[in-house]
Amino acid sequence: MKIVNNQSILLIFLLLFSSLLNGCSYTTQTSHDDGLPILSQNELIRPYTNIGRIQVTRETYGSDYSLSPGIKAWGLAAVRQEAEKMGADAIMLPEVTGRTTTYGIIPSTEYRATGYAIKFK
């Protein structure tokens, strides 16, 4: 039977303690200050006025590898930016879509982000 000395116990304790501290540093914290809130129809409990419908379009020719993974983030950011210009309090029913067509051999993709800007009464 082998006896463990105090240095080994201290070393194990320090490794466990440091892994615990490092584990906390890898957790993600979401910021609640991303701009205007995006609400579904069920989340609207206060009376509101519909300011207008927002539609932002972006067309790309050829391959668009840099935007494709983040297309939803682009669309929501674009709608938020336009709603802030209108003085809205929130965005309702956002939708981000894309449609690809081919002109000869060159593909063209049109991305469209829509939503409704609302102002609470």
PDB file of N, CA and C in Angstrom:
ATOM      1  N   MET A   1       0.841  -1.174   0.000  1.00  0.00           N
ATOM      2  CA  MET A   1       0.000   0.000   0.000  1.00  0.00           C
ATOM      3  C   MET A   1       0.884   1.233   0.000  1.00  0.00           C
ATOM      4  N   LYS A   2       0.562   2.195  -0.868  1.00  0.00           N
ATOM      5  CA  LYS A   2       1.371   3.393  -1.015  1.00  0.00           C
ATOM      6  C   LYS A   2       0.725   4.540  -0.256  1.00  0.00           C
ATOM      7  N   ILE A   3       1.510   5.303   0.445  1.00  0.00           N
ATOM      8  CA  ILE A   3       1.011   6.432   1.231  1.00  0.00           C
ATOM      9  C   ILE A   3       1.214   7.703   0.417  1.00  0.00           C
ATOM     10  N   VAL A   4       0.184   8.526   0.318  1.00  0.00           N
ATOM     11  CA  VAL A   4       0.231   9.775  -0.424  1.00  0.00           C
ATOM     12  C   VAL A   4       0.733  10.864   0.516  1.00  0.00           C
ATOM     13  N   ASN A   5       1.729  11.634   0.061  1.00  0.00           N
ATOM     14  CA  ASN A   5       2.271  12.698   0.921  1.00  0.00           C
ATOM     15  C   ASN A   5       1.451  13.980   0.788  1.00  0.00           C
ATOM     16  N   ASN A   6       1.762  14.944   1.617  1.00  0.00           N
ATOM     17  CA  ASN A   6       1.018  16.213   1.664  1.00  0.00           C
ATOM     18  C   ASN A   6       1.184  17.028   0.388  1.00  0.00           C
ATOM     19  N   GLN A   7       2.346  16.922  -0.258  1.00  0.00           N
ATOM     20  CA  GLN A   7       2.561  17.686  -1.492  1.00  0.00           C
ATOM     21  C   GLN A   7       1.638  17.183  -2.598  1.00  0.00           C
ATOM     22  N   SER A   8       1.412  15.904  -2.668  1.00  0.00           N
ATOM     23  CA  SER A   8       0.516  15.348  -3.685  1.00  0.00           C
ATOM     24  C   SER A   8      -0.920  15.800  -3.447  1.00  0.00           C
ATOM     25  N   ILE A   9      -1.323  15.814  -2.205  1.00  0.00           N
ATOM     26  CA  ILE A   9      -2.672  16.262  -1.868  1.00  0.00           C
ATOM     27  C   ILE A   9      -2.843  17.738  -2.204  1.00  0.00           C
ATOM     28  N   LEU A  10      -1.824  18.532  -1.896  1.00  0.00           N
ATOM     29  CA  LEU A  10      -1.865  19.966  -2.193  1.00  0.00           C
ATOM     30  C   LEU A  10      -1.919  20.186  -3.707  1.00  0.00           C
ATOM     31  N   LEU A  11      -1.132  19.426  -4.450  1.00  0.00           N
ATOM     32  CA  LEU A  11      -1.117  19.547  -5.901  1.00  0.00           C
ATOM     33  C   LEU A  11      -2.481  19.194  -6.498  1.00  0.00           C
ATOM     34  N   ILE A  12      -3.077  18.121  -6.051  1.00  0.00           N
ATOM     35  CA  ILE A  12      -4.406  17.729  -6.528  1.00  0.00           C
ATOM     36  C   ILE A  12      -5.442  18.797  -6.189  1.00  0.00           C
ATOM     37  N   PHE A  13      -5.379  19.333  -4.983  1.00  0.00           N
ATOM     38  CA  PHE A  13      -6.305  20.394  -4.572  1.00  0.00           C
ATOM     39  C   PHE A  13      -6.148  21.626  -5.454  1.00  0.00           C
ATOM     40  N   LEU A  14      -4.913  22.042  -5.738  1.00  0.00           N
ATOM     41  CA  LEU A  14      -4.683  23.221  -6.578  1.00  0.00           C
ATOM     42  C   LEU A  14      -5.165  22.990  -8.012  1.00  0.00           C
ATOM     43  N   LEU A  15      -4.960  21.784  -8.537  1.00  0.00           N
ATOM     44  CA  LEU A  15      -5.445  21.489  -9.887  1.00  0.00           C
ATOM     45  C   LEU A  15      -6.972  21.533  -9.964  1.00  0.00           C
ATOM     46  N   LEU A  16      -7.624  20.949  -8.983  1.00  0.00           N
ATOM     47  CA  LEU A  16      -9.087  20.980  -8.967  1.00  0.00           C
ATOM     48  C   LEU A  16      -9.620  22.397  -8.793  1.00  0.00           C
ATOM     49  N   PHE A  17      -8.987  23.162  -7.910  1.00  0.00           N
ATOM     50  CA  PHE A  17      -9.414  24.535  -7.670  1.00  0.00           C
ATOM     51  C   PHE A  17      -9.222  25.402  -8.913  1.00  0.00           C
ATOM     52  N   SER A  18      -8.076  25.259  -9.590  1.00  0.00           N
ATOM     53  CA  SER A  18      -7.839  26.062 -10.792  1.00  0.00           C
ATOM     54  C   SER A  18      -8.777  25.656 -11.929  1.00  0.00           C
ATOM     55  N   SER A  19      -9.085  24.357 -12.044  1.00  0.00           N
ATOM     56  CA  SER A  19     -10.026  23.952 -13.093  1.00  0.00           C
ATOM     57  C   SER A  19     -11.431  24.479 -12.810  1.00  0.00           C
ATOM     58  N   LEU A  20     -11.778  24.589 -11.557  1.00  0.00           N
ATOM     59  CA  LEU A  20     -13.068  25.158 -11.189  1.00  0.00           C
ATOM     60  C   LEU A  20     -13.135  26.627 -11.579  1.00  0.00           C
ATOM     61  N   LEU A  21     -12.064  27.371 -11.303  1.00  0.00           N
ATOM     62  CA  LEU A  21     -12.032  28.785 -11.657  1.00  0.00           C
ATOM     63  C   LEU A  21     -12.014  28.977 -13.162  1.00  0.00           C
ATOM     64  N   ASN A  22     -11.257  28.166 -13.882  1.00  0.00           N
ATOM     65  CA  ASN A  22     -11.211  28.282 -15.331  1.00  0.00           C
ATOM     66  C   ASN A  22     -12.529  27.869 -15.964  1.00  0.00           C
ATOM     67  N   GLY A  23     -13.219  26.940 -15.368  1.00  0.00           N
ATOM     68  CA  GLY A  23     -14.518  26.530 -15.889  1.00  0.00           C
ATOM     69  C   GLY A  23     -15.509  27.670 -15.852  1.00  0.00           C
ATOM     70  N   CYS A  24     -15.418  28.520 -14.869  1.00  0.00           N
ATOM     71  CA  CYS A  24     -16.315  29.666 -14.777  1.00  0.00           C
ATOM     72  C   CYS A  24     -15.999  30.701 -15.834  1.00  0.00           C
ATOM     73  N   SER A  25     -14.757  30.784 -16.268  1.00  0.00           N
ATOM     74  CA  SER A  25     -14.401  31.792 -17.258  1.00  0.00           C
ATOM     75  C   SER A  25     -14.880  31.418 -18.650  1.00  0.00           C
ATOM     76  N   TYR A  26     -15.251  30.162 -18.877  1.00  0.00           N
ATOM     77  CA  TYR A  26     -15.722  29.746 -20.186  1.00  0.00           C
ATOM     78  C   TYR A  26     -17.223  29.871 -20.345  1.00  0.00           C
ATOM     79  N   THR A  27     -17.943  30.246 -19.325  1.00  0.00           N
ATOM     80  CA  THR A  27     -19.382  30.408 -19.470  1.00  0.00           C
ATOM     81  C   THR A  27     -19.662  31.679 -20.244  1.00  0.00           C
ATOM     82  N   THR A  28     -20.682  31.637 -21.064  1.00  0.00           N
ATOM     83  CA  THR A  28     -21.028  32.808 -21.856  1.00  0.00           C
ATOM     84  C   THR A  28     -22.087  33.609 -21.137  1.00  0.00           C
ATOM     85  N   GLN A  29     -21.940  34.898 -21.220  1.00  0.00           N
ATOM     86  CA  GLN A  29     -22.922  35.788 -20.636  1.00  0.00           C
ATOM     87  C   GLN A  29     -23.574  36.550 -21.770  1.00  0.00           C
ATOM     88  N   THR A  30     -24.882  36.508 -21.821  1.00  0.00           N
ATOM     89  CA  THR A  30     -25.588  37.220 -22.872  1.00  0.00           C
ATOM     90  C   THR A  30     -25.887  38.629 -22.404  1.00  0.00           C
ATOM     91  N   SER A  31     -25.677  39.559 -23.294  1.00  0.00           N
ATOM     92  CA  SER A  31     -25.954  40.950 -22.980  1.00  0.00           C
ATOM     93  C   SER A  31     -27.411  41.245 -23.294  1.00  0.00           C
ATOM     94  N   HIS A  32     -28.075  41.898 -22.394  1.00  0.00           N
ATOM     95  CA  HIS A  32     -29.472  42.250 -22.620  1.00  0.00           C
ATOM     96  C   HIS A  32     -29.597  43.613 -23.276  1.00  0.00           C
ATOM     97  N   ASP A  33     -28.466  44.202 -23.653  1.00  0.00           N
ATOM     98  CA  ASP A  33     -28.476  45.502 -24.281  1.00  0.00           C
ATOM     99  C   ASP A  33     -28.103  45.364 -25.760  1.00  0.00           C
ATOM    100  N   ASP A  34     -28.767  44.450 -26.459  1.00  0.00           N
ATOM    101  CA  ASP A  34     -28.488  44.222 -27.868  1.00  0.00           C
ATOM    102  C   ASP A  34     -29.243  45.188 -28.769  1.00  0.00           C
ATOM    103  N   GLY A  35     -30.000  46.055 -28.226  1.00  0.00           N
ATOM    104  CA  GLY A  35     -30.815  46.957 -29.016  1.00  0.00           C
ATOM    105  C   GLY A  35     -32.272  46.759 -28.665  1.00  0.00           C
ATOM    106  N   LEU A  36     -33.127  47.024 -29.616  1.00  0.00           N
ATOM    107  CA  LEU A  36     -34.561  46.880 -29.397  1.00  0.00           C
ATOM    108  C   LEU A  36     -34.942  45.416 -29.176  1.00  0.00           C
ATOM    109  N   PRO A  37     -35.891  45.163 -28.287  1.00  0.00           N
ATOM    110  CA  PRO A  37     -36.323  43.779 -28.092  1.00  0.00           C
ATOM    111  C   PRO A  37     -37.136  43.282 -29.286  1.00  0.00           C
ATOM    112  N   ILE A  38     -37.010  41.998 -29.549  1.00  0.00           N
ATOM    113  CA  ILE A  38     -37.784  41.349 -30.603  1.00  0.00           C
ATOM    114  C   ILE A  38     -38.844  40.510 -29.914  1.00  0.00           C
ATOM    115  N   LEU A  39     -40.106  40.818 -30.181  1.00  0.00           N
ATOM    116  CA  LEU A  39     -41.220  40.191 -29.470  1.00  0.00           C
ATOM    117  C   LEU A  39     -42.094  39.382 -30.425  1.00  0.00           C
ATOM    118  N   SER A  40     -42.623  38.280 -29.918  1.00  0.00           N
ATOM    119  CA  SER A  40     -43.602  37.519 -30.676  1.00  0.00           C
ATOM    120  C   SER A  40     -44.994  38.066 -30.345  1.00  0.00           C
ATOM    121  N   GLN A  41     -45.980  37.611 -31.054  1.00  0.00           N
ATOM    122  CA  GLN A  41     -47.357  38.075 -30.839  1.00  0.00           C
ATOM    123  C   GLN A  41     -47.815  37.759 -29.419  1.00  0.00           C
ATOM    124  N   ASN A  42     -47.396  36.631 -28.863  1.00  0.00           N
ATOM    125  CA  ASN A  42     -47.813  36.227 -27.510  1.00  0.00           C
ATOM    126  C   ASN A  42     -47.165  37.064 -26.414  1.00  0.00           C
ATOM    127  N   GLU A  43     -46.034  37.680 -26.694  1.00  0.00           N
ATOM    128  CA  GLU A  43     -45.320  38.463 -25.692  1.00  0.00           C
ATOM    129  C   GLU A  43     -45.835  39.894 -25.561  1.00  0.00           C
ATOM    130  N   LEU A  44     -46.701  40.301 -26.449  1.00  0.00           N
ATOM    131  CA  LEU A  44     -47.220  41.671 -26.427  1.00  0.00           C
ATOM    132  C   LEU A  44     -48.391  41.755 -25.458  1.00  0.00           C
ATOM    133  N   ILE A  45     -48.119  42.260 -24.261  1.00  0.00           N
ATOM    134  CA  ILE A  45     -49.170  42.371 -23.255  1.00  0.00           C
ATOM    135  C   ILE A  45     -49.597  43.818 -23.055  1.00  0.00           C
ATOM    136  N   ARG A  46     -48.813  44.749 -23.555  1.00  0.00           N
ATOM    137  CA  ARG A  46     -49.156  46.166 -23.453  1.00  0.00           C
ATOM    138  C   ARG A  46     -49.747  46.643 -24.772  1.00  0.00           C
ATOM    139  N   PRO A  47     -50.603  47.654 -24.724  1.00  0.00           N
ATOM    140  CA  PRO A  47     -51.126  48.209 -25.981  1.00  0.00           C
ATOM    141  C   PRO A  47     -49.999  48.872 -26.773  1.00  0.00           C
ATOM    142  N   TYR A  48     -50.085  48.778 -28.085  1.00  0.00           N
ATOM    143  CA  TYR A  48     -49.030  49.328 -28.941  1.00  0.00           C
ATOM    144  C   TYR A  48     -49.630  49.877 -30.223  1.00  0.00           C
ATOM    145  N   THR A  49     -48.834  50.674 -30.910  1.00  0.00           N
ATOM    146  CA  THR A  49     -49.185  51.215 -32.214  1.00  0.00           C
ATOM    147  C   THR A  49     -48.177  50.692 -33.221  1.00  0.00           C
ATOM    148  N   ASN A  50     -48.658  50.211 -34.337  1.00  0.00           N
ATOM    149  CA  ASN A  50     -47.783  49.725 -35.395  1.00  0.00           C
ATOM    150  C   ASN A  50     -47.246  50.935 -36.161  1.00  0.00           C
ATOM    151  N   ILE A  51     -45.954  51.184 -36.089  1.00  0.00           N
ATOM    152  CA  ILE A  51     -45.354  52.326 -36.789  1.00  0.00           C
ATOM    153  C   ILE A  51     -45.215  52.026 -38.270  1.00  0.00           C
ATOM    154  N   GLY A  52     -44.773  50.809 -38.592  1.00  0.00           N
ATOM    155  CA  GLY A  52     -44.624  50.452 -39.999  1.00  0.00           C
ATOM    156  C   GLY A  52     -43.899  49.145 -40.189  1.00  0.00           C
ATOM    157  N   ARG A  53     -43.966  48.659 -41.417  1.00  0.00           N
ATOM    158  CA  ARG A  53     -43.284  47.419 -41.773  1.00  0.00           C
ATOM    159  C   ARG A  53     -41.910  47.763 -42.298  1.00  0.00           C
ATOM    160  N   ILE A  54     -40.911  47.024 -41.835  1.00  0.00           N
ATOM    161  CA  ILE A  54     -39.528  47.242 -42.251  1.00  0.00           C
ATOM    162  C   ILE A  54     -39.128  46.095 -43.163  1.00  0.00           C
ATOM    163  N   GLN A  55     -38.459  46.440 -44.269  1.00  0.00           N
ATOM    164  CA  GLN A  55     -37.931  45.417 -45.168  1.00  0.00           C
ATOM    165  C   GLN A  55     -36.554  45.871 -45.630  1.00  0.00           C
ATOM    166  N   VAL A  56     -35.543  45.037 -45.360  1.00  0.00           N
ATOM    167  CA  VAL A  56     -34.176  45.312 -45.771  1.00  0.00           C
ATOM    168  C   VAL A  56     -33.752  44.195 -46.708  1.00  0.00           C
ATOM    169  N   THR A  57     -33.169  44.563 -47.856  1.00  0.00           N
ATOM    170  CA  THR A  57     -32.779  43.581 -48.865  1.00  0.00           C
ATOM    171  C   THR A  57     -31.289  43.707 -49.156  1.00  0.00           C
ATOM    172  N   ARG A  58     -30.650  42.562 -49.336  1.00  0.00           N
ATOM    173  CA  ARG A  58     -29.239  42.535 -49.709  1.00  0.00           C
ATOM    174  C   ARG A  58     -29.071  41.477 -50.784  1.00  0.00           C
ATOM    175  N   GLU A  59     -28.445  41.867 -51.897  1.00  0.00           N
ATOM    176  CA  GLU A  59     -28.251  40.928 -52.996  1.00  0.00           C
ATOM    177  C   GLU A  59     -26.755  40.700 -53.187  1.00  0.00           C
ATOM    178  N   THR A  60     -26.379  39.445 -53.326  1.00  0.00           N
ATOM    179  CA  THR A  60     -24.978  39.092 -53.551  1.00  0.00           C
ATOM    180  C   THR A  60     -24.867  38.271 -54.822  1.00  0.00           C
ATOM    181  N   TYR A  61     -23.776  38.455 -55.518  1.00  0.00           N
ATOM    182  CA  TYR A  61     -23.516  37.707 -56.746  1.00  0.00           C
ATOM    183  C   TYR A  61     -22.355  36.763 -56.497  1.00  0.00           C
ATOM    184  N   GLY A  62     -22.449  35.560 -57.045  1.00  0.00           N
ATOM    185  CA  GLY A  62     -21.415  34.563 -56.812  1.00  0.00           C
ATOM    186  C   GLY A  62     -21.637  33.911 -55.461  1.00  0.00           C
ATOM    187  N   SER A  63     -20.572  33.419 -54.880  1.00  0.00           N
ATOM    188  CA  SER A  63     -20.693  32.764 -53.579  1.00  0.00           C
ATOM    189  C   SER A  63     -20.529  33.794 -52.469  1.00  0.00           C
ATOM    190  N   ASP A  64     -21.282  33.617 -51.420  1.00  0.00           N
ATOM    191  CA  ASP A  64     -21.254  34.543 -50.282  1.00  0.00           C
ATOM    192  C   ASP A  64     -20.976  33.742 -49.014  1.00  0.00           C
ATOM    193  N   TYR A  65     -19.802  33.154 -48.950  1.00  0.00           N
ATOM    194  CA  TYR A  65     -19.466  32.295 -47.813  1.00  0.00           C
ATOM    195  C   TYR A  65     -19.298  33.078 -46.525  1.00  0.00           C
ATOM    196  N   SER A  66     -18.908  34.338 -46.605  1.00  0.00           N
ATOM    197  CA  SER A  66     -18.660  35.108 -45.386  1.00  0.00           C
ATOM    198  C   SER A  66     -19.949  35.463 -44.657  1.00  0.00           C
ATOM    199  N   LEU A  67     -21.070  35.559 -45.354  1.00  0.00           N
ATOM    200  CA  LEU A  67     -22.316  35.971 -44.722  1.00  0.00           C
ATOM    201  C   LEU A  67     -23.233  34.809 -44.381  1.00  0.00           C
ATOM    202  N   SER A  68     -23.170  33.730 -45.106  1.00  0.00           N
ATOM    203  CA  SER A  68     -24.136  32.644 -44.969  1.00  0.00           C
ATOM    204  C   SER A  68     -24.327  32.118 -43.552  1.00  0.00           C
ATOM    205  N   PRO A  69     -23.284  31.845 -42.767  1.00  0.00           N
ATOM    206  CA  PRO A  69     -23.535  31.340 -41.412  1.00  0.00           C
ATOM    207  C   PRO A  69     -24.228  32.356 -40.511  1.00  0.00           C
ATOM    208  N   GLY A  70     -24.010  33.644 -40.734  1.00  0.00           N
ATOM    209  CA  GLY A  70     -24.585  34.651 -39.867  1.00  0.00           C
ATOM    210  C   GLY A  70     -25.707  35.441 -40.500  1.00  0.00           C
ATOM    211  N   ILE A  71     -26.447  34.848 -41.417  1.00  0.00           N
ATOM    212  CA  ILE A  71     -27.488  35.585 -42.129  1.00  0.00           C
ATOM    213  C   ILE A  71     -28.611  36.021 -41.204  1.00  0.00           C
ATOM    214  N   LYS A  72     -28.972  35.193 -40.240  1.00  0.00           N
ATOM    215  CA  LYS A  72     -30.037  35.580 -39.312  1.00  0.00           C
ATOM    216  C   LYS A  72     -29.593  36.751 -38.437  1.00  0.00           C
ATOM    217  N   ALA A  73     -28.354  36.719 -37.980  1.00  0.00           N
ATOM    218  CA  ALA A  73     -27.821  37.821 -37.166  1.00  0.00           C
ATOM    219  C   ALA A  73     -27.774  39.112 -37.978  1.00  0.00           C
ATOM    220  N   TRP A  74     -27.370  39.013 -39.265  1.00  0.00           N
ATOM    221  CA  TRP A  74     -27.357  40.196 -40.120  1.00  0.00           C
ATOM    222  C   TRP A  74     -28.762  40.766 -40.265  1.00  0.00           C
ATOM    223  N   GLY A  75     -29.741  39.895 -40.537  1.00  0.00           N
ATOM    224  CA  GLY A  75     -31.104  40.353 -40.760  1.00  0.00           C
ATOM    225  C   GLY A  75     -31.710  41.018 -39.543  1.00  0.00           C
ATOM    226  N   LEU A  76     -31.522  40.421 -38.368  1.00  0.00           N
ATOM    227  CA  LEU A  76     -32.069  41.015 -37.142  1.00  0.00           C
ATOM    228  C   LEU A  76     -31.400  42.339 -36.817  1.00  0.00           C
ATOM    229  N   ALA A  77     -30.090  42.429 -37.047  1.00  0.00           N
ATOM    230  CA  ALA A  77     -29.382  43.687 -36.795  1.00  0.00           C
ATOM    231  C   ALA A  77     -29.850  44.778 -37.754  1.00  0.00           C
ATOM    232  N   ALA A  78     -30.086  44.421 -39.012  1.00  0.00           N
ATOM    233  CA  ALA A  78     -30.552  45.396 -39.999  1.00  0.00           C
ATOM    234  C   ALA A  78     -31.948  45.908 -39.654  1.00  0.00           C
ATOM    235  N   VAL A  79     -32.841  45.023 -39.258  1.00  0.00           N
ATOM    236  CA  VAL A  79     -34.206  45.425 -38.887  1.00  0.00           C
ATOM    237  C   VAL A  79     -34.166  46.288 -37.625  1.00  0.00           C
ATOM    238  N   ARG A  80     -33.345  45.907 -36.650  1.00  0.00           N
ATOM    239  CA  ARG A  80     -33.213  46.717 -35.423  1.00  0.00           C
ATOM    240  C   ARG A  80     -32.731  48.127 -35.735  1.00  0.00           C
ATOM    241  N   GLN A  81     -31.744  48.224 -36.608  1.00  0.00           N
ATOM    242  CA  GLN A  81     -31.191  49.529 -36.961  1.00  0.00           C
ATOM    243  C   GLN A  81     -32.243  50.424 -37.611  1.00  0.00           C
ATOM    244  N   GLU A  82     -33.028  49.871 -38.515  1.00  0.00           N
ATOM    245  CA  GLU A  82     -34.070  50.662 -39.170  1.00  0.00           C
ATOM    246  C   GLU A  82     -35.180  51.044 -38.190  1.00  0.00           C
ATOM    247  N   ALA A  83     -35.536  50.139 -37.278  1.00  0.00           N
ATOM    248  CA  ALA A  83     -36.578  50.429 -36.295  1.00  0.00           C
ATOM    249  C   ALA A  83     -36.131  51.526 -35.331  1.00  0.00           C
ATOM    250  N   GLU A  84     -34.856  51.530 -34.962  1.00  0.00           N
ATOM    251  CA  GLU A  84     -34.343  52.596 -34.097  1.00  0.00           C
ATOM    252  C   GLU A  84     -34.435  53.952 -34.785  1.00  0.00           C
ATOM    253  N   LYS A  85     -34.187  53.989 -36.097  1.00  0.00           N
ATOM    254  CA  LYS A  85     -34.308  55.237 -36.853  1.00  0.00           C
ATOM    255  C   LYS A  85     -35.746  55.763 -36.836  1.00  0.00           C
ATOM    256  N   MET A  86     -36.711  54.835 -36.766  1.00  0.00           N
ATOM    257  CA  MET A  86     -38.127  55.211 -36.763  1.00  0.00           C
ATOM    258  C   MET A  86     -38.625  55.590 -35.367  1.00  0.00           C
ATOM    259  N   GLY A  87     -37.809  55.385 -34.343  1.00  0.00           N
ATOM    260  CA  GLY A  87     -38.211  55.689 -32.977  1.00  0.00           C
ATOM    261  C   GLY A  87     -39.065  54.603 -32.345  1.00  0.00           C
ATOM    262  N   ALA A  88     -38.883  53.382 -32.769  1.00  0.00           N
ATOM    263  CA  ALA A  88     -39.688  52.258 -32.253  1.00  0.00           C
ATOM    264  C   ALA A  88     -39.215  51.831 -30.867  1.00  0.00           C
ATOM    265  N   ASP A  89     -40.120  51.183 -30.136  1.00  0.00           N
ATOM    266  CA  ASP A  89     -39.797  50.618 -28.830  1.00  0.00           C
ATOM    267  C   ASP A  89     -39.450  49.139 -28.920  1.00  0.00           C
ATOM    268  N   ALA A  90     -39.932  48.451 -29.965  1.00  0.00           N
ATOM    269  CA  ALA A  90     -39.693  47.018 -30.121  1.00  0.00           C
ATOM    270  C   ALA A  90     -39.937  46.621 -31.573  1.00  0.00           C
ATOM    271  N   ILE A  91     -39.577  45.376 -31.872  1.00  0.00           N
ATOM    272  CA  ILE A  91     -39.801  44.800 -33.196  1.00  0.00           C
ATOM    273  C   ILE A  91     -40.680  43.575 -33.013  1.00  0.00           C
ATOM    274  N   MET A  92     -41.647  43.438 -33.910  1.00  0.00           N
ATOM    275  CA  MET A  92     -42.585  42.328 -33.823  1.00  0.00           C
ATOM    276  C   MET A  92     -42.494  41.495 -35.105  1.00  0.00           C
ATOM    277  N   LEU A  93     -42.593  40.182 -34.959  1.00  0.00           N
ATOM    278  CA  LEU A  93     -42.664  39.227 -36.069  1.00  0.00           C
ATOM    279  C   LEU A  93     -41.514  39.371 -37.082  1.00  0.00           C
ATOM    280  N   PRO A  94     -40.256  39.240 -36.633  1.00  0.00           N
ATOM    281  CA  PRO A  94     -39.153  39.322 -37.590  1.00  0.00           C
ATOM    282  C   PRO A  94     -39.059  38.058 -38.444  1.00  0.00           C
ATOM    283  N   GLU A  95     -38.562  38.215 -39.660  1.00  0.00           N
ATOM    284  CA  GLU A  95     -38.390  37.088 -40.567  1.00  0.00           C
ATOM    285  C   GLU A  95     -37.191  37.366 -41.462  1.00  0.00           C
ATOM    286  N   VAL A  96     -36.310  36.376 -41.606  1.00  0.00           N
ATOM    287  CA  VAL A  96     -35.135  36.494 -42.467  1.00  0.00           C
ATOM    288  C   VAL A  96     -35.196  35.358 -43.475  1.00  0.00           C
ATOM    289  N   THR A  97     -35.169  35.701 -44.762  1.00  0.00           N
ATOM    290  CA  THR A  97     -35.261  34.695 -45.818  1.00  0.00           C
ATOM    291  C   THR A  97     -34.180  34.929 -46.862  1.00  0.00           C
ATOM    292  N   GLY A  98     -33.962  33.940 -47.698  1.00  0.00           N
ATOM    293  CA  GLY A  98     -33.013  34.051 -48.798  1.00  0.00           C
ATOM    294  C   GLY A  98     -33.522  33.285 -49.994  1.00  0.00           C
ATOM    295  N   ARG A  99     -33.223  33.812 -51.175  1.00  0.00           N
ATOM    296  CA  ARG A  99     -33.661  33.172 -52.411  1.00  0.00           C
ATOM    297  C   ARG A  99     -32.517  33.238 -53.420  1.00  0.00           C
ATOM    298  N   THR A 100     -32.171  32.106 -54.001  1.00  0.00           N
ATOM    299  CA  THR A 100     -31.065  32.043 -54.954  1.00  0.00           C
ATOM    300  C   THR A 100     -31.598  31.806 -56.358  1.00  0.00           C
ATOM    301  N   THR A 101     -31.100  32.594 -57.290  1.00  0.00           N
ATOM    302  CA  THR A 101     -31.403  32.398 -58.705  1.00  0.00           C
ATOM    303  C   THR A 101     -30.074  32.367 -59.454  1.00  0.00           C
ATOM    304  N   THR A 102     -30.088  31.846 -60.664  1.00  0.00           N
ATOM    305  CA  THR A 102     -28.862  31.749 -61.455  1.00  0.00           C
ATOM    306  C   THR A 102     -29.043  32.498 -62.764  1.00  0.00           C
ATOM    307  N   TYR A 103     -28.121  33.405 -63.038  1.00  0.00           N
ATOM    308  CA  TYR A 103     -28.080  34.131 -64.307  1.00  0.00           C
ATOM    309  C   TYR A 103     -26.949  33.543 -65.123  1.00  0.00           C
ATOM    310  N   GLY A 104     -27.275  32.664 -66.049  1.00  0.00           N
ATOM    311  CA  GLY A 104     -26.236  31.973 -66.815  1.00  0.00           C
ATOM    312  C   GLY A 104     -25.533  30.984 -65.908  1.00  0.00           C
ATOM    313  N   ILE A 105     -24.298  31.282 -65.556  1.00  0.00           N
ATOM    314  CA  ILE A 105     -23.556  30.403 -64.649  1.00  0.00           C
ATOM    315  C   ILE A 105     -23.264  31.079 -63.306  1.00  0.00           C
ATOM    316  N   ILE A 106     -23.671  32.329 -63.146  1.00  0.00           N
ATOM    317  CA  ILE A 106     -23.388  33.080 -61.911  1.00  0.00           C
ATOM    318  C   ILE A 106     -24.617  33.058 -61.013  1.00  0.00           C
ATOM    319  N   PRO A 107     -24.488  32.486 -59.802  1.00  0.00           N
ATOM    320  CA  PRO A 107     -25.628  32.500 -58.876  1.00  0.00           C
ATOM    321  C   PRO A 107     -25.770  33.861 -58.202  1.00  0.00           C
ATOM    322  N   SER A 108     -27.001  34.227 -57.944  1.00  0.00           N
ATOM    323  CA  SER A 108     -27.306  35.476 -57.247  1.00  0.00           C
ATOM    324  C   SER A 108     -28.248  35.140 -56.096  1.00  0.00           C
ATOM    325  N   THR A 109     -27.914  35.628 -54.903  1.00  0.00           N
ATOM    326  CA  THR A 109     -28.751  35.361 -53.739  1.00  0.00           C
ATOM    327  C   THR A 109     -29.270  36.675 -53.185  1.00  0.00           C
ATOM    328  N   GLU A 110     -30.578  36.712 -52.963  1.00  0.00           N
ATOM    329  CA  GLU A 110     -31.209  37.890 -52.374  1.00  0.00           C
ATOM    330  C   GLU A 110     -31.655  37.528 -50.962  1.00  0.00           C
ATOM    331  N   TYR A 111     -31.097  38.241 -49.985  1.00  0.00           N
ATOM    332  CA  TYR A 111     -31.481  38.053 -48.591  1.00  0.00           C
ATOM    333  C   TYR A 111     -32.457  39.160 -48.220  1.00  0.00           C
ATOM    334  N   ARG A 112     -33.524  38.786 -47.516  1.00  0.00           N
ATOM    335  CA  ARG A 112     -34.546  39.760 -47.140  1.00  0.00           C
ATOM    336  C   ARG A 112     -34.868  39.600 -45.659  1.00  0.00           C
ATOM    337  N   ALA A 113     -34.824  40.714 -44.935  1.00  0.00           N
ATOM    338  CA  ALA A 113     -35.176  40.740 -43.518  1.00  0.00           C
ATOM    339  C   ALA A 113     -36.361  41.668 -43.359  1.00  0.00           C
ATOM    340  N   THR A 114     -37.396  41.188 -42.685  1.00  0.00           N
ATOM    341  CA  THR A 114     -38.602  41.995 -42.484  1.00  0.00           C
ATOM    342  C   THR A 114     -39.019  41.937 -41.021  1.00  0.00           C
ATOM    343  N   GLY A 115     -39.830  42.890 -40.635  1.00  0.00           N
ATOM    344  CA  GLY A 115     -40.382  42.951 -39.291  1.00  0.00           C
ATOM    345  C   GLY A 115     -41.258  44.182 -39.163  1.00  0.00           C
ATOM    346  N   TYR A 116     -41.954  44.283 -38.050  1.00  0.00           N
ATOM    347  CA  TYR A 116     -42.832  45.426 -37.801  1.00  0.00           C
ATOM    348  C   TYR A 116     -42.288  46.238 -36.633  1.00  0.00           C
ATOM    349  N   ALA A 117     -42.134  47.526 -36.847  1.00  0.00           N
ATOM    350  CA  ALA A 117     -41.712  48.426 -35.789  1.00  0.00           C
ATOM    351  C   ALA A 117     -42.948  48.865 -35.007  1.00  0.00           C
ATOM    352  N   ILE A 118     -42.898  48.742 -33.686  1.00  0.00           N
ATOM    353  CA  ILE A 118     -44.047  49.128 -32.869  1.00  0.00           C
ATOM    354  C   ILE A 118     -43.618  50.106 -31.783  1.00  0.00           C
ATOM    355  N   LYS A 119     -44.571  50.896 -31.347  1.00  0.00           N
ATOM    356  CA  LYS A 119     -44.362  51.883 -30.283  1.00  0.00           C
ATOM    357  C   LYS A 119     -45.420  51.607 -29.218  1.00  0.00           C
ATOM    358  N   PHE A 120     -44.986  51.453 -27.976  1.00  0.00           N
ATOM    359  CA  PHE A 120     -45.936  51.201 -26.889  1.00  0.00           C
ATOM    360  C   PHE A 120     -46.668  52.480 -26.517  1.00  0.00           C
ATOM    361  N   LYS A 121     -47.951  52.315 -26.158  1.00  0.00           N
ATOM    362  CA  LYS A 121     -48.774  53.464 -25.760  1.00  0.00           C
ATOM    363  C   LYS A 121     -48.545  53.825 -24.323  1.00  0.00           C
TER     364      LYS A 121
END
